[in-house]
Amino acid sequence: MEDVKPLSQKIDLTRTQLSPKEWLSFDQIPLTPVEPSYVRQVQIENLTLFIPFLIVLPIAGIVINLPMTILLAVVSLALLLAGIISYGRHRYALSLAYGAFEHEFVMQKGIVWHQKISLPYTRLQHVSLSQGPLERYFKQHTLKCFSAGSGSAEISLPGLNSDIAESLRQHLLAKAAAVRQAQQDVSPPEQESLPTQSPQRPSQAVPSHPVAGNDDDE
């Protein structure tokens, strides 16, 4: 975990173009996997979810007098689906990894295709922690990061140890606050525009009553 360093008020805004050889790939970024106990938590969730279903399904087939061939086919299909879903959730848990860097927070997930989500601290608005019943048993939390203009969490990272989760939440919030403060420091102060007044014209005296002219009698 990197320390939060105060950002200097002067930020170098010069832009230097990098050659393709200097480009850094996401595959070169070192990431930290989630806790191994999260994989055991997922396995327990699979057993809790599918074992009662696989017990009730054949009993229900017998009660409604399904033919034996159909019942065997239904149970076999349910076992196959349960195995595929359990294996997929297991592989997804193994793929989870994260990393807190100088300018962004990165999360990796995916089963067949790994997806890396990068959330810059300039867009980070809120960070929360949630904990379910099994997570309390394994002393884990789920970290959720919300970005600007997003109603749902852009990053939802389960499998974090309680101590690491809280320190990571504080670190991300501190980084986001430091970046916003640095942006305010380097932004030019807005000049208050004074209201311009149009020059007043000298008022002309207007007679209240019309002046009667002298008529010449012929």
Protein backbone atom coordinates (compact mmCIF):
# COMPACT_ATOMS: atom_id res chain seq x y z
CA MET A 1 0.00 0.00 0.00
CA GLU A 2 1.49 3.30 -1.07
CA ASP A 3 1.49 6.31 1.23
CA VAL A 4 -0.51 9.38 0.44
CA LYS A 5 1.91 12.16 -0.43
CA PRO A 6 0.82 15.78 -0.56
CA LEU A 7 0.66 16.99 -4.11
CA SER A 8 2.59 20.11 -4.96
CA GLN A 9 0.60 23.10 -6.00
CA LYS A 10 2.52 23.42 -9.25
CA ILE A 11 1.83 20.62 -11.69
CA ASP A 12 3.83 20.19 -14.85
CA LEU A 13 1.35 20.58 -17.69
CA THR A 14 3.82 20.00 -20.49
CA ARG A 15 2.83 17.16 -22.78
CA THR A 16 5.47 14.88 -24.20
CA GLN A 17 4.44 12.32 -26.77
CA LEU A 18 5.67 8.79 -26.06
CA SER A 19 6.83 6.40 -28.73
CA PRO A 20 5.08 3.02 -29.08
CA LYS A 21 8.09 1.33 -27.45
CA GLU A 22 7.51 3.42 -24.31
CA TRP A 23 3.82 2.57 -24.02
CA LEU A 24 2.99 0.63 -20.85
CA SER A 25 0.62 -2.30 -21.17
CA PHE A 26 -1.91 -3.27 -18.50
CA ASP A 27 -0.30 -6.71 -18.49
CA GLN A 28 2.87 -5.12 -17.10
CA ILE A 29 1.04 -3.61 -14.11
CA PRO A 30 1.52 -5.72 -10.97
CA LEU A 31 -1.84 -6.48 -9.34
CA THR A 32 -2.72 -8.04 -5.99
CA PRO A 33 -5.15 -10.99 -5.96
CA VAL A 34 -8.03 -11.07 -3.51
CA GLU A 35 -7.89 -13.13 -0.32
CA PRO A 36 -7.71 -16.93 -0.82
CA SER A 37 -10.51 -17.29 1.71
CA TYR A 38 -12.82 -15.61 -0.79
CA VAL A 39 -12.50 -18.65 -3.05
CA ARG A 40 -13.61 -20.88 -0.16
CA GLN A 41 -16.47 -18.47 0.48
CA VAL A 42 -17.62 -18.85 -3.14
CA GLN A 43 -17.48 -22.64 -2.83
CA ILE A 44 -19.65 -22.54 0.29
CA GLU A 45 -22.10 -20.27 -1.50
CA ASN A 46 -22.30 -22.76 -4.37
CA LEU A 47 -23.02 -25.64 -2.00
CA THR A 48 -25.61 -23.63 -0.11
CA LEU A 49 -27.33 -22.64 -3.33
CA PHE A 50 -27.32 -25.88 -5.34
CA ILE A 51 -27.51 -28.75 -2.82
CA PRO A 52 -31.05 -27.90 -1.58
CA PHE A 53 -32.16 -27.40 -5.17
CA LEU A 54 -30.73 -30.77 -6.27
CA ILE A 55 -32.46 -32.47 -3.34
CA VAL A 56 -35.85 -30.87 -3.88
CA LEU A 57 -35.88 -31.38 -7.66
CA PRO A 58 -36.04 -35.23 -7.74
CA ILE A 59 -38.49 -35.26 -4.83
CA ALA A 60 -40.77 -32.91 -6.73
CA GLY A 61 -40.47 -35.11 -9.83
CA ILE A 62 -41.50 -38.18 -7.86
CA VAL A 63 -44.46 -36.39 -6.25
CA ILE A 64 -45.87 -35.29 -9.61
CA ASN A 65 -45.25 -38.77 -11.07
CA LEU A 66 -42.80 -37.85 -13.81
CA PRO A 67 -41.62 -40.75 -15.96
CA MET A 68 -38.27 -42.07 -14.84
CA THR A 69 -36.52 -41.19 -18.10
CA ILE A 70 -37.71 -37.60 -17.96
CA LEU A 71 -36.80 -37.34 -14.27
CA LEU A 72 -33.30 -38.63 -14.93
CA ALA A 73 -32.88 -36.20 -17.81
CA VAL A 74 -34.05 -33.24 -15.69
CA VAL A 75 -31.77 -34.19 -12.78
CA SER A 76 -28.81 -34.68 -15.13
CA LEU A 77 -29.41 -31.31 -16.76
CA ALA A 78 -29.66 -29.64 -13.33
CA LEU A 79 -26.39 -31.26 -12.23
CA LEU A 80 -24.69 -30.09 -15.42
CA LEU A 81 -25.92 -26.50 -15.00
CA ALA A 82 -24.94 -26.47 -11.33
CA GLY A 83 -21.45 -27.70 -12.20
CA ILE A 84 -20.98 -25.11 -14.96
CA ILE A 85 -22.18 -22.23 -12.78
CA SER A 86 -20.07 -23.36 -9.81
CA TYR A 87 -16.97 -23.69 -11.95
CA GLY A 88 -17.59 -20.29 -13.54
CA ARG A 89 -17.97 -18.56 -10.16
CA HIS A 90 -14.83 -20.31 -8.95
CA ARG A 91 -12.82 -19.14 -11.96
CA TYR A 92 -14.22 -15.62 -11.60
CA ALA A 93 -13.09 -15.49 -7.96
CA LEU A 94 -9.58 -16.55 -8.99
CA SER A 95 -9.41 -13.82 -11.64
CA LEU A 96 -10.10 -10.93 -9.25
CA ALA A 97 -7.12 -8.65 -8.62
CA TYR A 98 -6.58 -4.99 -7.86
CA GLY A 99 -3.92 -2.31 -7.54
CA ALA A 100 -3.75 1.24 -6.13
CA PHE A 101 -1.40 3.40 -8.17
CA GLU A 102 -0.33 7.02 -8.22
CA HIS A 103 -3.11 8.31 -10.47
CA GLU A 104 -5.75 5.58 -10.68
CA PHE A 105 -7.23 2.46 -9.09
CA VAL A 106 -7.23 -0.67 -11.25
CA MET A 107 -9.36 -3.82 -10.95
CA GLN A 108 -9.09 -7.03 -12.98
CA LYS A 109 -11.90 -9.51 -13.50
CA GLY A 110 -13.17 -12.01 -16.06
CA ILE A 111 -13.37 -15.72 -16.79
CA VAL A 112 -12.45 -16.24 -20.45
CA TRP A 113 -11.50 -12.65 -21.28
CA HIS A 114 -9.87 -10.69 -18.49
CA GLN A 115 -11.13 -7.14 -18.15
CA LYS A 116 -9.14 -4.39 -16.46
CA ILE A 117 -11.04 -1.35 -15.20
CA SER A 118 -9.05 1.81 -14.50
CA LEU A 119 -10.73 4.49 -12.37
CA PRO A 120 -8.72 7.76 -12.22
CA TYR A 121 -8.81 9.60 -8.91
CA THR A 122 -10.07 12.68 -10.77
CA ARG A 123 -13.38 10.85 -11.37
CA LEU A 124 -13.64 9.11 -8.00
CA GLN A 125 -16.50 10.55 -5.94
CA HIS A 126 -17.39 8.01 -3.24
CA VAL A 127 -16.05 4.73 -1.80
CA SER A 128 -18.13 2.39 0.36
CA LEU A 129 -17.72 -1.00 2.06
CA SER A 130 -20.38 -3.69 2.35
CA GLN A 131 -20.38 -7.00 4.22
CA GLY A 132 -22.73 -9.97 3.97
CA PRO A 133 -23.25 -12.87 6.42
CA LEU A 134 -20.57 -15.10 4.89
CA GLU A 135 -18.22 -12.14 4.51
CA ARG A 136 -18.56 -11.43 8.23
CA TYR A 137 -17.66 -15.05 8.94
CA PHE A 138 -14.56 -14.85 6.73
CA LYS A 139 -13.79 -11.26 7.90
CA GLN A 140 -14.05 -9.81 4.42
CA HIS A 141 -15.58 -6.77 2.76
CA THR A 142 -16.69 -5.70 -0.70
CA LEU A 143 -15.25 -2.38 -1.89
CA LYS A 144 -17.45 -0.24 -4.15
CA CYS A 145 -16.16 2.82 -6.00
CA PHE A 146 -18.54 5.37 -7.51
CA SER A 147 -17.46 7.78 -10.21
CA ALA A 148 -18.82 11.15 -11.23
CA GLY A 149 -22.14 10.94 -13.07
CA SER A 150 -22.62 7.22 -12.40
CA GLY A 151 -25.60 5.96 -10.43
CA SER A 152 -24.14 2.50 -9.86
CA ALA A 153 -20.73 1.39 -8.63
CA GLU A 154 -18.14 1.43 -11.40
CA ILE A 155 -15.91 -0.94 -9.41
CA SER A 156 -17.23 -3.65 -7.08
CA LEU A 157 -14.35 -5.62 -5.58
CA PRO A 158 -15.14 -8.46 -3.13
CA GLY A 159 -12.69 -10.63 -1.19
CA LEU A 160 -10.83 -7.92 0.74
CA ASN A 161 -9.62 -8.48 4.28
CA SER A 162 -11.34 -6.17 6.77
CA ASP A 163 -8.13 -4.32 7.71
CA ILE A 164 -7.02 -3.92 4.10
CA ALA A 165 -10.48 -2.85 2.96
CA GLU A 166 -10.74 0.03 5.42
CA SER A 167 -7.21 1.30 4.81
CA LEU A 168 -7.74 1.06 1.05
CA ARG A 169 -11.01 3.00 1.30
CA GLN A 170 -9.33 5.80 3.25
CA HIS A 171 -6.40 5.83 0.81
CA LEU A 172 -8.66 6.19 -2.24
CA LEU A 173 -10.69 8.97 -0.64
CA ALA A 174 -7.52 10.80 0.39
CA LYS A 175 -6.09 10.50 -3.12
CA ALA A 176 -9.30 11.81 -4.68
CA ALA A 177 -9.40 14.75 -2.26
CA ALA A 178 -5.73 15.58 -2.91
CA VAL A 179 -6.25 15.54 -6.68
CA ARG A 180 -9.28 17.82 -6.45
CA GLN A 181 -7.37 20.21 -4.18
CA ALA A 182 -4.45 20.28 -6.61
CA GLN A 183 -6.80 21.05 -9.50
CA GLN A 184 -8.28 23.94 -7.57
CA ASP A 185 -4.80 25.28 -6.79
CA VAL A 186 -3.63 25.29 -10.41
CA SER A 187 -6.87 26.61 -11.89
CA PRO A 188 -6.69 30.36 -12.66
CA PRO A 189 -8.85 32.50 -10.40
CA GLU A 190 -11.97 33.70 -12.03
CA GLN A 191 -12.06 37.42 -12.51
CA GLU A 192 -15.23 39.00 -11.31
CA SER A 193 -16.79 41.04 -14.02
CA LEU A 194 -17.99 44.39 -12.79
CA PRO A 195 -21.30 45.57 -14.21
CA THR A 196 -20.77 48.21 -16.83
CA GLN A 197 -22.93 51.26 -16.54
CA SER A 198 -23.94 53.15 -19.62
CA PRO A 199 -23.15 56.87 -19.49
CA GLN A 200 -26.10 58.86 -18.39
CA ARG A 201 -27.30 61.53 -20.75
CA PRO A 202 -28.09 64.93 -19.27
CA SER A 203 -31.73 65.21 -18.61
CA GLN A 204 -33.61 67.77 -20.61
CA ALA A 205 -36.25 69.91 -18.99
CA VAL A 206 -39.60 69.14 -20.43
CA PRO A 207 -42.27 71.75 -19.87
CA SER A 208 -45.21 70.47 -17.97
CA HIS A 209 -47.66 72.59 -19.97
CA PRO A 210 -47.48 73.50 -23.64
CA VAL A 211 -46.44 77.12 -24.30
CA ALA A 212 -49.17 79.09 -26.01
CA GLY A 213 -47.97 81.06 -29.01
CA ASN A 214 -48.92 84.69 -29.78
CA ASP A 215 -51.39 84.85 -32.65
CA ASP A 216 -51.11 87.96 -34.86
CA ASP A 217 -54.45 89.53 -35.61
CA GLU A 218 -54.77 90.61 -39.11
